[in-house]
Amino acid sequence: MSGRERFTLLRAIDDPNLFGMWFKNRSTWAAWFTFLRALFGLPLLPRKLGLYRECTGRAEAPTASATEGWLICGRRSGKSFTLALCAVYLAAFHQHQH
């Protein structure tokens, strides 16, 4: 990775030495990965834009990181795990500038 590329949460999830070991069956996490891309303002793959629209009712994907996110999820949907993952990533890898 060059110095200009960002080390994103999705890259950390892909890395088996970081978060990758926790995602044995990645296909079951497709909606959450799409959510994380939208939350962090990462580009959505064209094939995932439909999933984003279906889950949010919005036509356009965000192009910048969100300052907050609202989730409506049932029990055992993965929200606590996903948000803990976000918290660890932000604490360990995100540059916090004023």
PDB file of N, CA and C in Angstrom:
ATOM      1  N   MET A   1       0.854  -1.173   0.000  1.00  0.00           N
ATOM      2  CA  MET A   1       0.000   0.000   0.000  1.00  0.00           C
ATOM      3  C   MET A   1       0.893   1.228   0.000  1.00  0.00           C
ATOM      4  N   SER A   2       0.660   2.113  -0.923  1.00  0.00           N
ATOM      5  CA  SER A   2       1.453   3.339  -0.989  1.00  0.00           C
ATOM      6  C   SER A   2       1.017   4.294   0.115  1.00  0.00           C
ATOM      7  N   GLY A   3       1.833   5.294   0.372  1.00  0.00           N
ATOM      8  CA  GLY A   3       1.529   6.251   1.424  1.00  0.00           C
ATOM      9  C   GLY A   3       0.260   7.041   1.163  1.00  0.00           C
ATOM     10  N   ARG A   4      -0.139   7.143  -0.117  1.00  0.00           N
ATOM     11  CA  ARG A   4      -1.329   7.931  -0.449  1.00  0.00           C
ATOM     12  C   ARG A   4      -2.618   7.140  -0.282  1.00  0.00           C
ATOM     13  N   GLU A   5      -2.542   5.806  -0.253  1.00  0.00           N
ATOM     14  CA  GLU A   5      -3.748   5.001  -0.074  1.00  0.00           C
ATOM     15  C   GLU A   5      -4.127   4.997   1.404  1.00  0.00           C
ATOM     16  N   ARG A   6      -5.414   5.046   1.643  1.00  0.00           N
ATOM     17  CA  ARG A   6      -5.907   5.038   3.024  1.00  0.00           C
ATOM     18  C   ARG A   6      -6.012   3.625   3.543  1.00  0.00           C
ATOM     19  N   PHE A   7      -5.670   3.429   4.806  1.00  0.00           N
ATOM     20  CA  PHE A   7      -5.882   2.145   5.453  1.00  0.00           C
ATOM     21  C   PHE A   7      -7.287   2.177   6.029  1.00  0.00           C
ATOM     22  N   THR A   8      -8.221   1.637   5.305  1.00  0.00           N
ATOM     23  CA  THR A   8      -9.630   1.706   5.681  1.00  0.00           C
ATOM     24  C   THR A   8     -10.017   0.533   6.570  1.00  0.00           C
ATOM     25  N   LEU A   9     -11.177   0.634   7.164  1.00  0.00           N
ATOM     26  CA  LEU A   9     -11.715  -0.459   7.960  1.00  0.00           C
ATOM     27  C   LEU A   9     -11.888  -1.708   7.111  1.00  0.00           C
ATOM     28  N   LEU A  10     -12.307  -1.547   5.854  1.00  0.00           N
ATOM     29  CA  LEU A  10     -12.492  -2.708   4.987  1.00  0.00           C
ATOM     30  C   LEU A  10     -11.153  -3.390   4.697  1.00  0.00           C
ATOM     31  N   ARG A  11     -10.077  -2.628   4.599  1.00  0.00           N
ATOM     32  CA  ARG A  11      -8.741  -3.236   4.432  1.00  0.00           C
ATOM     33  C   ARG A  11      -8.352  -4.002   5.696  1.00  0.00           C
ATOM     34  N   ALA A  12      -8.677  -3.459   6.857  1.00  0.00           N
ATOM     35  CA  ALA A  12      -8.387  -4.146   8.116  1.00  0.00           C
ATOM     36  C   ALA A  12      -9.182  -5.443   8.224  1.00  0.00           C
ATOM     37  N   ILE A  13     -10.420  -5.433   7.715  1.00  0.00           N
ATOM     38  CA  ILE A  13     -11.244  -6.646   7.718  1.00  0.00           C
ATOM     39  C   ILE A  13     -10.666  -7.686   6.766  1.00  0.00           C
ATOM     40  N   ASP A  14     -10.084  -7.252   5.668  1.00  0.00           N
ATOM     41  CA  ASP A  14      -9.476  -8.179   4.702  1.00  0.00           C
ATOM     42  C   ASP A  14      -8.171  -8.776   5.217  1.00  0.00           C
ATOM     43  N   ASP A  15      -7.531  -8.117   6.167  1.00  0.00           N
ATOM     44  CA  ASP A  15      -6.233  -8.572   6.668  1.00  0.00           C
ATOM     45  C   ASP A  15      -6.414  -9.694   7.698  1.00  0.00           C
ATOM     46  N   PRO A  16      -5.887 -10.895   7.408  1.00  0.00           N
ATOM     47  CA  PRO A  16      -6.056 -12.009   8.353  1.00  0.00           C
ATOM     48  C   PRO A  16      -5.332 -11.795   9.677  1.00  0.00           C
ATOM     49  N   ASN A  17      -4.369 -10.877   9.723  1.00  0.00           N
ATOM     50  CA  ASN A  17      -3.650 -10.603  10.966  1.00  0.00           C
ATOM     51  C   ASN A  17      -4.348  -9.549  11.825  1.00  0.00           C
ATOM     52  N   LEU A  18      -5.366  -8.900  11.289  1.00  0.00           N
ATOM     53  CA  LEU A  18      -6.106  -7.899  12.054  1.00  0.00           C
ATOM     54  C   LEU A  18      -7.510  -8.420  12.349  1.00  0.00           C
ATOM     55  N   PHE A  19      -8.472  -8.058  11.516  1.00  0.00           N
ATOM     56  CA  PHE A  19      -9.858  -8.438  11.782  1.00  0.00           C
ATOM     57  C   PHE A  19     -10.346  -9.599  10.926  1.00  0.00           C
ATOM     58  N   GLY A  20      -9.570  -9.987   9.925  1.00  0.00           N
ATOM     59  CA  GLY A  20     -10.011 -11.004   8.972  1.00  0.00           C
ATOM     60  C   GLY A  20     -10.390 -12.331   9.586  1.00  0.00           C
ATOM     61  N   MET A  21      -9.733 -12.714  10.672  1.00  0.00           N
ATOM     62  CA  MET A  21     -10.023 -14.007  11.292  1.00  0.00           C
ATOM     63  C   MET A  21     -11.450 -14.109  11.839  1.00  0.00           C
ATOM     64  N   TRP A  22     -12.096 -12.987  12.053  1.00  0.00           N
ATOM     65  CA  TRP A  22     -13.436 -12.993  12.626  1.00  0.00           C
ATOM     66  C   TRP A  22     -14.528 -13.138  11.562  1.00  0.00           C
ATOM     67  N   PHE A  23     -14.155 -13.163  10.299  1.00  0.00           N
ATOM     68  CA  PHE A  23     -15.131 -13.219   9.208  1.00  0.00           C
ATOM     69  C   PHE A  23     -14.933 -14.492   8.392  1.00  0.00           C
ATOM     70  N   LYS A  24     -15.382 -15.622   8.954  1.00  0.00           N
ATOM     71  CA  LYS A  24     -15.215 -16.916   8.284  1.00  0.00           C
ATOM     72  C   LYS A  24     -16.076 -17.007   7.031  1.00  0.00           C
ATOM     73  N   ASN A  25     -17.339 -16.617   7.134  1.00  0.00           N
ATOM     74  CA  ASN A  25     -18.267 -16.678   6.003  1.00  0.00           C
ATOM     75  C   ASN A  25     -18.611 -15.248   5.602  1.00  0.00           C
ATOM     76  N   ARG A  26     -17.776 -14.668   4.755  1.00  0.00           N
ATOM     77  CA  ARG A  26     -17.918 -13.260   4.388  1.00  0.00           C
ATOM     78  C   ARG A  26     -19.239 -12.948   3.679  1.00  0.00           C
ATOM     79  N   SER A  27     -19.821 -13.913   3.005  1.00  0.00           N
ATOM     80  CA  SER A  27     -21.064 -13.642   2.273  1.00  0.00           C
ATOM     81  C   SER A  27     -22.203 -13.245   3.217  1.00  0.00           C
ATOM     82  N   THR A  28     -22.173 -13.711   4.454  1.00  0.00           N
ATOM     83  CA  THR A  28     -23.230 -13.365   5.403  1.00  0.00           C
ATOM     84  C   THR A  28     -23.087 -11.933   5.925  1.00  0.00           C
ATOM     85  N   TRP A  29     -21.949 -11.310   5.647  1.00  0.00           N
ATOM     86  CA  TRP A  29     -21.682  -9.950   6.111  1.00  0.00           C
ATOM     87  C   TRP A  29     -21.832  -8.914   5.009  1.00  0.00           C
ATOM     88  N   ALA A  30     -22.374  -9.282   3.863  1.00  0.00           N
ATOM     89  CA  ALA A  30     -22.455  -8.383   2.704  1.00  0.00           C
ATOM     90  C   ALA A  30     -23.165  -7.073   3.037  1.00  0.00           C
ATOM     91  N   ALA A  31     -24.294  -7.139   3.723  1.00  0.00           N
ATOM     92  CA  ALA A  31     -25.033  -5.912   4.053  1.00  0.00           C
ATOM     93  C   ALA A  31     -24.227  -5.042   5.016  1.00  0.00           C
ATOM     94  N   TRP A  32     -23.551  -5.650   5.985  1.00  0.00           N
ATOM     95  CA  TRP A  32     -22.746  -4.872   6.926  1.00  0.00           C
ATOM     96  C   TRP A  32     -21.551  -4.242   6.236  1.00  0.00           C
ATOM     97  N   PHE A  33     -20.905  -4.947   5.323  1.00  0.00           N
ATOM     98  CA  PHE A  33     -19.780  -4.358   4.588  1.00  0.00           C
ATOM     99  C   PHE A  33     -20.253  -3.167   3.758  1.00  0.00           C
ATOM    100  N   THR A  34     -21.439  -3.282   3.183  1.00  0.00           N
ATOM    101  CA  THR A  34     -22.005  -2.162   2.422  1.00  0.00           C
ATOM    102  C   THR A  34     -22.298  -0.990   3.357  1.00  0.00           C
ATOM    103  N   PHE A  35     -22.850  -1.283   4.527  1.00  0.00           N
ATOM    104  CA  PHE A  35     -23.094  -0.248   5.530  1.00  0.00           C
ATOM    105  C   PHE A  35     -21.788   0.455   5.914  1.00  0.00           C
ATOM    106  N   LEU A  36     -20.725  -0.322   6.152  1.00  0.00           N
ATOM    107  CA  LEU A  36     -19.448   0.264   6.547  1.00  0.00           C
ATOM    108  C   LEU A  36     -18.861   1.140   5.445  1.00  0.00           C
ATOM    109  N   ARG A  37     -19.011   0.705   4.209  1.00  0.00           N
ATOM    110  CA  ARG A  37     -18.549   1.533   3.089  1.00  0.00           C
ATOM    111  C   ARG A  37     -19.301   2.873   3.085  1.00  0.00           C
ATOM    112  N   ALA A  38     -20.606   2.821   3.270  1.00  0.00           N
ATOM    113  CA  ALA A  38     -21.412   4.049   3.288  1.00  0.00           C
ATOM    114  C   ALA A  38     -21.062   4.916   4.498  1.00  0.00           C
ATOM    115  N   LEU A  39     -20.924   4.306   5.662  1.00  0.00           N
ATOM    116  CA  LEU A  39     -20.624   5.045   6.892  1.00  0.00           C
ATOM    117  C   LEU A  39     -19.299   5.788   6.796  1.00  0.00           C
ATOM    118  N   PHE A  40     -18.305   5.152   6.206  1.00  0.00           N
ATOM    119  CA  PHE A  40     -16.984   5.754   6.099  1.00  0.00           C
ATOM    120  C   PHE A  40     -16.769   6.489   4.778  1.00  0.00           C
ATOM    121  N   GLY A  41     -17.814   6.608   3.966  1.00  0.00           N
ATOM    122  CA  GLY A  41     -17.720   7.360   2.720  1.00  0.00           C
ATOM    123  C   GLY A  41     -16.823   6.706   1.681  1.00  0.00           C
ATOM    124  N   LEU A  42     -16.736   5.389   1.720  1.00  0.00           N
ATOM    125  CA  LEU A  42     -15.921   4.651   0.757  1.00  0.00           C
ATOM    126  C   LEU A  42     -16.747   4.344  -0.482  1.00  0.00           C
ATOM    127  N   PRO A  43     -16.123   4.216  -1.636  1.00  0.00           N
ATOM    128  CA  PRO A  43     -16.882   3.931  -2.859  1.00  0.00           C
ATOM    129  C   PRO A  43     -17.631   2.607  -2.758  1.00  0.00           C
ATOM    130  N   LEU A  44     -18.853   2.616  -3.245  1.00  0.00           N
ATOM    131  CA  LEU A  44     -19.648   1.385  -3.311  1.00  0.00           C
ATOM    132  C   LEU A  44     -19.461   0.748  -4.676  1.00  0.00           C
ATOM    133  N   LEU A  45     -19.231  -0.532  -4.682  1.00  0.00           N
ATOM    134  CA  LEU A  45     -19.145  -1.259  -5.941  1.00  0.00           C
ATOM    135  C   LEU A  45     -20.512  -1.208  -6.616  1.00  0.00           C
ATOM    136  N   PRO A  46     -20.562  -1.114  -7.937  1.00  0.00           N
ATOM    137  CA  PRO A  46     -21.866  -1.019  -8.618  1.00  0.00           C
ATOM    138  C   PRO A  46     -22.843  -2.128  -8.226  1.00  0.00           C
ATOM    139  N   ARG A  47     -22.337  -3.332  -8.029  1.00  0.00           N
ATOM    140  CA  ARG A  47     -23.237  -4.440  -7.670  1.00  0.00           C
ATOM    141  C   ARG A  47     -23.774  -4.325  -6.240  1.00  0.00           C
ATOM    142  N   LYS A  48     -23.139  -3.494  -5.415  1.00  0.00           N
ATOM    143  CA  LYS A  48     -23.597  -3.290  -4.037  1.00  0.00           C
ATOM    144  C   LYS A  48     -24.486  -2.062  -3.893  1.00  0.00           C
ATOM    145  N   LEU A  49     -24.551  -1.239  -4.927  1.00  0.00           N
ATOM    146  CA  LEU A  49     -25.378  -0.039  -4.858  1.00  0.00           C
ATOM    147  C   LEU A  49     -26.850  -0.413  -4.699  1.00  0.00           C
ATOM    148  N   GLY A  50     -27.276  -1.495  -5.345  1.00  0.00           N
ATOM    149  CA  GLY A  50     -28.659  -1.954  -5.194  1.00  0.00           C
ATOM    150  C   GLY A  50     -28.972  -2.354  -3.759  1.00  0.00           C
ATOM    151  N   LEU A  51     -28.047  -3.034  -3.105  1.00  0.00           N
ATOM    152  CA  LEU A  51     -28.225  -3.422  -1.705  1.00  0.00           C
ATOM    153  C   LEU A  51     -28.297  -2.183  -0.826  1.00  0.00           C
ATOM    154  N   TYR A  52     -27.440  -1.206  -1.098  1.00  0.00           N
ATOM    155  CA  TYR A  52     -27.470   0.056  -0.348  1.00  0.00           C
ATOM    156  C   TYR A  52     -28.833   0.730  -0.496  1.00  0.00           C
ATOM    157  N   ARG A  53     -29.324   0.819  -1.717  1.00  0.00           N
ATOM    158  CA  ARG A  53     -30.623   1.455  -1.962  1.00  0.00           C
ATOM    159  C   ARG A  53     -31.755   0.704  -1.278  1.00  0.00           C
ATOM    160  N   GLU A  54     -31.695  -0.621  -1.336  1.00  0.00           N
ATOM    161  CA  GLU A  54     -32.731  -1.449  -0.706  1.00  0.00           C
ATOM    162  C   GLU A  54     -32.755  -1.249   0.807  1.00  0.00           C
ATOM    163  N   CYS A  55     -31.591  -1.160   1.420  1.00  0.00           N
ATOM    164  CA  CYS A  55     -31.506  -1.033   2.873  1.00  0.00           C
ATOM    165  C   CYS A  55     -31.780   0.379   3.381  1.00  0.00           C
ATOM    166  N   THR A  56     -31.503   1.389   2.554  1.00  0.00           N
ATOM    167  CA  THR A  56     -31.621   2.770   3.037  1.00  0.00           C
ATOM    168  C   THR A  56     -32.767   3.558   2.417  1.00  0.00           C
ATOM    169  N   GLY A  57     -33.231   3.131   1.238  1.00  0.00           N
ATOM    170  CA  GLY A  57     -34.244   3.905   0.536  1.00  0.00           C
ATOM    171  C   GLY A  57     -33.671   5.142  -0.139  1.00  0.00           C
ATOM    172  N   ARG A  58     -32.359   5.285  -0.145  1.00  0.00           N
ATOM    173  CA  ARG A  58     -31.696   6.436  -0.762  1.00  0.00           C
ATOM    174  C   ARG A  58     -31.195   6.063  -2.142  1.00  0.00           C
ATOM    175  N   ALA A  59     -31.173   7.025  -3.042  1.00  0.00           N
ATOM    176  CA  ALA A  59     -30.739   6.755  -4.414  1.00  0.00           C
ATOM    177  C   ALA A  59     -29.229   6.875  -4.570  1.00  0.00           C
ATOM    178  N   GLU A  60     -28.626   7.858  -3.893  1.00  0.00           N
ATOM    179  CA  GLU A  60     -27.195   8.118  -4.043  1.00  0.00           C
ATOM    180  C   GLU A  60     -26.438   7.691  -2.795  1.00  0.00           C
ATOM    181  N   ALA A  61     -25.297   7.074  -2.999  1.00  0.00           N
ATOM    182  CA  ALA A  61     -24.433   6.679  -1.885  1.00  0.00           C
ATOM    183  C   ALA A  61     -23.643   7.892  -1.405  1.00  0.00           C
ATOM    184  N   PRO A  62     -23.315   7.949  -0.130  1.00  0.00           N
ATOM    185  CA  PRO A  62     -22.532   9.076   0.385  1.00  0.00           C
ATOM    186  C   PRO A  62     -21.111   9.075  -0.185  1.00  0.00           C
ATOM    187  N   THR A  63     -20.527  10.241  -0.257  1.00  0.00           N
ATOM    188  CA  THR A  63     -19.160  10.370  -0.762  1.00  0.00           C
ATOM    189  C   THR A  63     -18.189  10.824   0.328  1.00  0.00           C
ATOM    190  N   ALA A  64     -18.695  11.048   1.524  1.00  0.00           N
ATOM    191  CA  ALA A  64     -17.853  11.452   2.651  1.00  0.00           C
ATOM    192  C   ALA A  64     -18.274  10.668   3.888  1.00  0.00           C
ATOM    193  N   SER A  65     -17.385  10.598   4.858  1.00  0.00           N
ATOM    194  CA  SER A  65     -17.687   9.894   6.101  1.00  0.00           C
ATOM    195  C   SER A  65     -18.854  10.550   6.825  1.00  0.00           C
ATOM    196  N   ALA A  66     -19.649   9.731   7.455  1.00  0.00           N
ATOM    197  CA  ALA A  66     -20.774  10.234   8.252  1.00  0.00           C
ATOM    198  C   ALA A  66     -20.262  10.662   9.623  1.00  0.00           C
ATOM    199  N   THR A  67     -20.957  11.594  10.234  1.00  0.00           N
ATOM    200  CA  THR A  67     -20.622  11.985  11.597  1.00  0.00           C
ATOM    201  C   THR A  67     -21.425  11.181  12.612  1.00  0.00           C
ATOM    202  N   GLU A  68     -22.493  10.548  12.143  1.00  0.00           N
ATOM    203  CA  GLU A  68     -23.279   9.644  12.980  1.00  0.00           C
ATOM    204  C   GLU A  68     -24.068   8.712  12.085  1.00  0.00           C
ATOM    205  N   GLY A  69     -24.475   7.598  12.642  1.00  0.00           N
ATOM    206  CA  GLY A  69     -25.275   6.642  11.894  1.00  0.00           C
ATOM    207  C   GLY A  69     -26.405   6.126  12.766  1.00  0.00           C
ATOM    208  N   TRP A  70     -27.544   5.910  12.146  1.00  0.00           N
ATOM    209  CA  TRP A  70     -28.712   5.392  12.852  1.00  0.00           C
ATOM    210  C   TRP A  70     -29.031   4.021  12.286  1.00  0.00           C
ATOM    211  N   LEU A  71     -29.203   3.058  13.174  1.00  0.00           N
ATOM    212  CA  LEU A  71     -29.453   1.687  12.747  1.00  0.00           C
ATOM    213  C   LEU A  71     -30.757   1.177  13.352  1.00  0.00           C
ATOM    214  N   ILE A  72     -31.536   0.527  12.535  1.00  0.00           N
ATOM    215  CA  ILE A  72     -32.729  -0.163  13.008  1.00  0.00           C
ATOM    216  C   ILE A  72     -32.512  -1.630  12.678  1.00  0.00           C
ATOM    217  N   CYS A  73     -32.161  -2.391  13.704  1.00  0.00           N
ATOM    218  CA  CYS A  73     -31.790  -3.791  13.514  1.00  0.00           C
ATOM    219  C   CYS A  73     -32.424  -4.634  14.612  1.00  0.00           C
ATOM    220  N   GLY A  74     -32.728  -5.841  14.267  1.00  0.00           N
ATOM    221  CA  GLY A  74     -33.267  -6.774  15.241  1.00  0.00           C
ATOM    222  C   GLY A  74     -32.174  -7.398  16.093  1.00  0.00           C
ATOM    223  N   ARG A  75     -32.616  -8.230  17.027  1.00  0.00           N
ATOM    224  CA  ARG A  75     -31.675  -8.959  17.877  1.00  0.00           C
ATOM    225  C   ARG A  75     -30.800  -9.864  17.021  1.00  0.00           C
ATOM    226  N   ARG A  76     -29.548 -10.016  17.435  1.00  0.00           N
ATOM    227  CA  ARG A  76     -28.594 -10.927  16.803  1.00  0.00           C
ATOM    228  C   ARG A  76     -28.317 -10.585  15.337  1.00  0.00           C
ATOM    229  N   SER A  77     -28.451  -9.310  15.008  1.00  0.00           N
ATOM    230  CA  SER A  77     -28.221  -8.884  13.630  1.00  0.00           C
ATOM    231  C   SER A  77     -26.747  -8.600  13.346  1.00  0.00           C
ATOM    232  N   GLY A  78     -25.942  -8.485  14.397  1.00  0.00           N
ATOM    233  CA  GLY A  78     -24.523  -8.193  14.229  1.00  0.00           C
ATOM    234  C   GLY A  78     -24.155  -6.756  14.531  1.00  0.00           C
ATOM    235  N   LYS A  79     -25.107  -5.978  15.022  1.00  0.00           N
ATOM    236  CA  LYS A  79     -24.836  -4.546  15.226  1.00  0.00           C
ATOM    237  C   LYS A  79     -23.802  -4.306  16.322  1.00  0.00           C
ATOM    238  N   SER A  80     -23.851  -5.011  17.423  1.00  0.00           N
ATOM    239  CA  SER A  80     -22.871  -4.794  18.494  1.00  0.00           C
ATOM    240  C   SER A  80     -21.467  -5.152  18.019  1.00  0.00           C
ATOM    241  N   PHE A  81     -21.341  -6.269  17.320  1.00  0.00           N
ATOM    242  CA  PHE A  81     -20.046  -6.687  16.792  1.00  0.00           C
ATOM    243  C   PHE A  81     -19.520  -5.657  15.792  1.00  0.00           C
ATOM    244  N   THR A  82     -20.377  -5.218  14.887  1.00  0.00           N
ATOM    245  CA  THR A  82     -19.977  -4.271  13.848  1.00  0.00           C
ATOM    246  C   THR A  82     -19.569  -2.930  14.449  1.00  0.00           C
ATOM    247  N   LEU A  83     -20.315  -2.447  15.415  1.00  0.00           N
ATOM    248  CA  LEU A  83     -19.988  -1.157  16.017  1.00  0.00           C
ATOM    249  C   LEU A  83     -18.752  -1.251  16.913  1.00  0.00           C
ATOM    250  N   ALA A  84     -18.542  -2.410  17.555  1.00  0.00           N
ATOM    251  CA  ALA A  84     -17.303  -2.618  18.311  1.00  0.00           C
ATOM    252  C   ALA A  84     -16.114  -2.634  17.356  1.00  0.00           C
ATOM    253  N   LEU A  85     -16.287  -3.250  16.210  1.00  0.00           N
ATOM    254  CA  LEU A  85     -15.254  -3.263  15.174  1.00  0.00           C
ATOM    255  C   LEU A  85     -14.911  -1.835  14.744  1.00  0.00           C
ATOM    256  N   CYS A  86     -15.931  -1.011  14.537  1.00  0.00           N
ATOM    257  CA  CYS A  86     -15.718   0.402  14.179  1.00  0.00           C
ATOM    258  C   CYS A  86     -14.951   1.118  15.286  1.00  0.00           C
ATOM    259  N   ALA A  87     -15.330   0.877  16.533  1.00  0.00           N
ATOM    260  CA  ALA A  87     -14.675   1.549  17.657  1.00  0.00           C
ATOM    261  C   ALA A  87     -13.199   1.172  17.743  1.00  0.00           C
ATOM    262  N   VAL A  88     -12.875  -0.105  17.582  1.00  0.00           N
ATOM    263  CA  VAL A  88     -11.480  -0.544  17.638  1.00  0.00           C
ATOM    264  C   VAL A  88     -10.695   0.051  16.474  1.00  0.00           C
ATOM    265  N   TYR A  89     -11.281   0.022  15.277  1.00  0.00           N
ATOM    266  CA  TYR A  89     -10.603   0.595  14.116  1.00  0.00           C
ATOM    267  C   TYR A  89     -10.326   2.090  14.328  1.00  0.00           C
ATOM    268  N   LEU A  90     -11.340   2.836  14.768  1.00  0.00           N
ATOM    269  CA  LEU A  90     -11.170   4.280  14.965  1.00  0.00           C
ATOM    270  C   LEU A  90     -10.131   4.574  16.043  1.00  0.00           C
ATOM    271  N   ALA A  91     -10.127   3.784  17.112  1.00  0.00           N
ATOM    272  CA  ALA A  91      -9.171   4.007  18.195  1.00  0.00           C
ATOM    273  C   ALA A  91      -7.742   3.667  17.772  1.00  0.00           C
ATOM    274  N   ALA A  92      -7.584   2.618  16.971  1.00  0.00           N
ATOM    275  CA  ALA A  92      -6.244   2.133  16.652  1.00  0.00           C
ATOM    276  C   ALA A  92      -5.634   2.738  15.385  1.00  0.00           C
ATOM    277  N   PHE A  93      -6.473   3.044  14.383  1.00  0.00           N
ATOM    278  CA  PHE A  93      -5.924   3.384  13.079  1.00  0.00           C
ATOM    279  C   PHE A  93      -6.335   4.747  12.525  1.00  0.00           C
ATOM    280  N   HIS A  94      -7.346   5.355  13.063  1.00  0.00           N
ATOM    281  CA  HIS A  94      -7.860   6.603  12.495  1.00  0.00           C
ATOM    282  C   HIS A  94      -7.052   7.791  12.999  1.00  0.00           C
ATOM    283  N   GLN A  95      -6.748   8.709  12.097  1.00  0.00           N
ATOM    284  CA  GLN A  95      -6.053   9.940  12.476  1.00  0.00           C
ATOM    285  C   GLN A  95      -7.076  10.942  13.001  1.00  0.00           C
ATOM    286  N   HIS A  96      -6.985  11.289  14.248  1.00  0.00           N
ATOM    287  CA  HIS A  96      -7.899  12.253  14.862  1.00  0.00           C
ATOM    288  C   HIS A  96      -7.238  13.613  14.871  1.00  0.00           C
ATOM    289  N   GLN A  97      -7.751  14.502  14.020  1.00  0.00           N
ATOM    290  CA  GLN A  97      -7.205  15.847  13.953  1.00  0.00           C
ATOM    291  C   GLN A  97      -8.291  16.848  14.309  1.00  0.00           C
ATOM    292  N   HIS A  98      -7.885  17.922  14.957  1.00  0.00           N
ATOM    293  CA  HIS A  98      -8.851  18.964  15.322  1.00  0.00           C
ATOM    294  C   HIS A  98      -9.074  19.887  14.165  1.00  0.00           C
TER     295      HIS A  98
END
